[in-house]
Amino acid sequence: MELHKLTHELHQSSKRLSQGANEIFNSAKEKAEAEQAYRVALAKEIMRLKEEKMPATLINDVARGNCADLKYERDLSEVKYQASREALNSLQAQVSALQTILKYQESI
């Protein structure tokens, strides 16, 4: 691989790393907001069921079932966050490999 092409690829990868950092922040924020929405809705649902005099042994399961859509959104945001982190780690490994190749090319 020629030096110019290698440095260009390294520069592009560095830019993608920077963008990836922003995406990770957004994914983490989305994850936290989804968790908050789920927990607030679950607490409200538990209180509502208690007020309706539902048997205590059923309240947690029924409340979680009633909030299943929010739990799905929470779980989906968690998976998105993890996938973003893995993609960023992969990109970091690529940059590291390119840096190693660049050092080797410059020493020749």
Protein backbone atom coordinates (compact mmCIF):
# COMPACT_ATOMS: atom_id res chain seq x y z
CA MET A 1 0.00 0.00 0.00
CA GLU A 2 1.46 3.35 -0.96
CA LEU A 3 2.12 5.94 1.73
CA HIS A 4 -0.30 8.58 0.42
CA LYS A 5 -3.18 6.11 0.27
CA LEU A 6 -2.33 4.82 3.73
CA THR A 7 -2.28 8.27 5.33
CA HIS A 8 -5.55 9.16 3.59
CA GLU A 9 -7.19 5.99 4.95
CA LEU A 10 -5.84 6.74 8.42
CA HIS A 11 -7.23 10.27 8.26
CA GLN A 12 -10.65 9.00 7.13
CA SER A 13 -10.70 6.42 9.92
CA SER A 14 -9.82 9.09 12.47
CA LYS A 15 -12.73 11.22 11.26
CA ARG A 16 -15.07 8.22 11.55
CA LEU A 17 -13.79 7.66 15.10
CA SER A 18 -14.69 11.22 15.97
CA GLN A 19 -18.17 10.81 14.49
CA GLY A 20 -18.49 7.48 16.30
CA ALA A 21 -17.78 9.16 19.62
CA ASN A 22 -20.71 11.51 19.00
CA GLU A 23 -22.93 8.58 18.05
CA ILE A 24 -21.93 6.73 21.23
CA PHE A 25 -22.93 9.76 23.28
CA ASN A 26 -26.30 9.92 21.53
CA SER A 27 -26.85 6.18 22.00
CA ALA A 28 -25.97 6.41 25.69
CA LYS A 29 -28.39 9.32 26.13
CA GLU A 30 -31.14 7.43 24.31
CA LYS A 31 -30.47 4.38 26.48
CA ALA A 32 -30.69 6.39 29.69
CA GLU A 33 -33.88 8.15 28.58
CA ALA A 34 -35.52 4.84 27.65
CA GLU A 35 -34.57 3.37 31.04
CA GLN A 36 -35.99 6.40 32.81
CA ALA A 37 -39.26 6.28 30.87
CA TYR A 38 -39.68 2.57 31.59
CA ARG A 39 -38.99 2.88 35.31
CA VAL A 40 -41.31 5.87 35.75
CA ALA A 41 -44.12 4.15 33.86
CA LEU A 42 -43.58 0.93 35.79
CA ALA A 43 -43.74 2.73 39.14
CA LYS A 44 -46.93 4.52 38.11
CA GLU A 45 -48.47 1.27 36.93
CA ILE A 46 -47.59 -0.50 40.18
CA MET A 47 -49.20 2.31 42.17
CA ARG A 48 -52.30 2.22 39.96
CA LEU A 49 -52.67 -1.53 40.43
CA LYS A 50 -52.23 -1.19 44.19
CA GLU A 51 -54.99 1.43 44.26
CA GLU A 52 -57.23 -0.98 42.37
CA LYS A 53 -56.62 -3.53 45.16
CA MET A 54 -55.00 -6.09 42.88
CA PRO A 55 -53.46 -8.99 44.84
CA ALA A 56 -49.88 -8.12 45.79
CA THR A 57 -48.53 -11.35 44.30
CA LEU A 58 -49.75 -10.32 40.84
CA ILE A 59 -48.90 -6.63 40.79
CA ASN A 60 -45.29 -6.85 39.58
CA ASP A 61 -46.03 -9.27 36.74
CA VAL A 62 -49.12 -7.40 35.57
CA ALA A 63 -47.37 -4.02 35.77
CA ARG A 64 -44.42 -5.30 33.74
CA GLY A 65 -46.81 -6.74 31.18
CA ASN A 66 -48.66 -3.45 30.92
CA CYS A 67 -45.34 -1.63 30.37
CA ALA A 68 -43.96 -4.17 27.89
CA ASP A 69 -43.71 -1.65 25.03
CA LEU A 70 -41.50 0.64 27.09
CA LYS A 71 -39.39 -2.32 28.20
CA TYR A 72 -38.95 -3.27 24.53
CA GLU A 73 -37.79 0.27 23.73
CA ARG A 74 -35.41 0.14 26.70
CA ASP A 75 -33.95 -3.19 25.60
CA LEU A 76 -33.65 -2.03 21.99
CA SER A 77 -31.77 1.11 23.02
CA GLU A 78 -29.41 -1.06 25.12
CA VAL A 79 -28.63 -3.26 22.11
CA LYS A 80 -28.09 -0.22 19.89
CA TYR A 81 -25.69 1.21 22.45
CA GLN A 82 -23.73 -2.04 22.68
CA ALA A 83 -23.58 -2.33 18.88
CA SER A 84 -22.30 1.25 18.64
CA ARG A 85 -19.59 0.49 21.19
CA GLU A 86 -18.53 -2.64 19.30
CA ALA A 87 -18.39 -0.73 16.01
CA LEU A 88 -16.26 1.97 17.62
CA ASN A 89 -13.92 -0.64 19.11
CA SER A 90 -13.57 -2.24 15.68
CA LEU A 91 -12.76 1.12 14.14
CA GLN A 92 -10.14 1.75 16.84
CA ALA A 93 -8.51 -1.57 15.99
CA GLN A 94 -8.49 -0.60 12.32
CA VAL A 95 -6.82 2.73 13.11
CA SER A 96 -4.24 0.96 15.25
CA ALA A 97 -3.45 -1.46 12.43
CA LEU A 98 -3.13 1.40 9.94
CA GLN A 99 -0.78 3.23 12.31
CA THR A 100 1.38 0.13 12.61
CA ILE A 101 1.54 -0.25 8.82
CA LEU A 102 2.36 3.44 8.46
CA LYS A 103 5.24 3.19 10.94
CA TYR A 104 6.55 0.16 9.10
CA GLN A 105 6.29 1.93 5.73
CA GLU A 106 8.06 5.03 7.03
CA SER A 107 10.93 2.97 8.42
CA ILE A 108 11.63 1.37 5.03
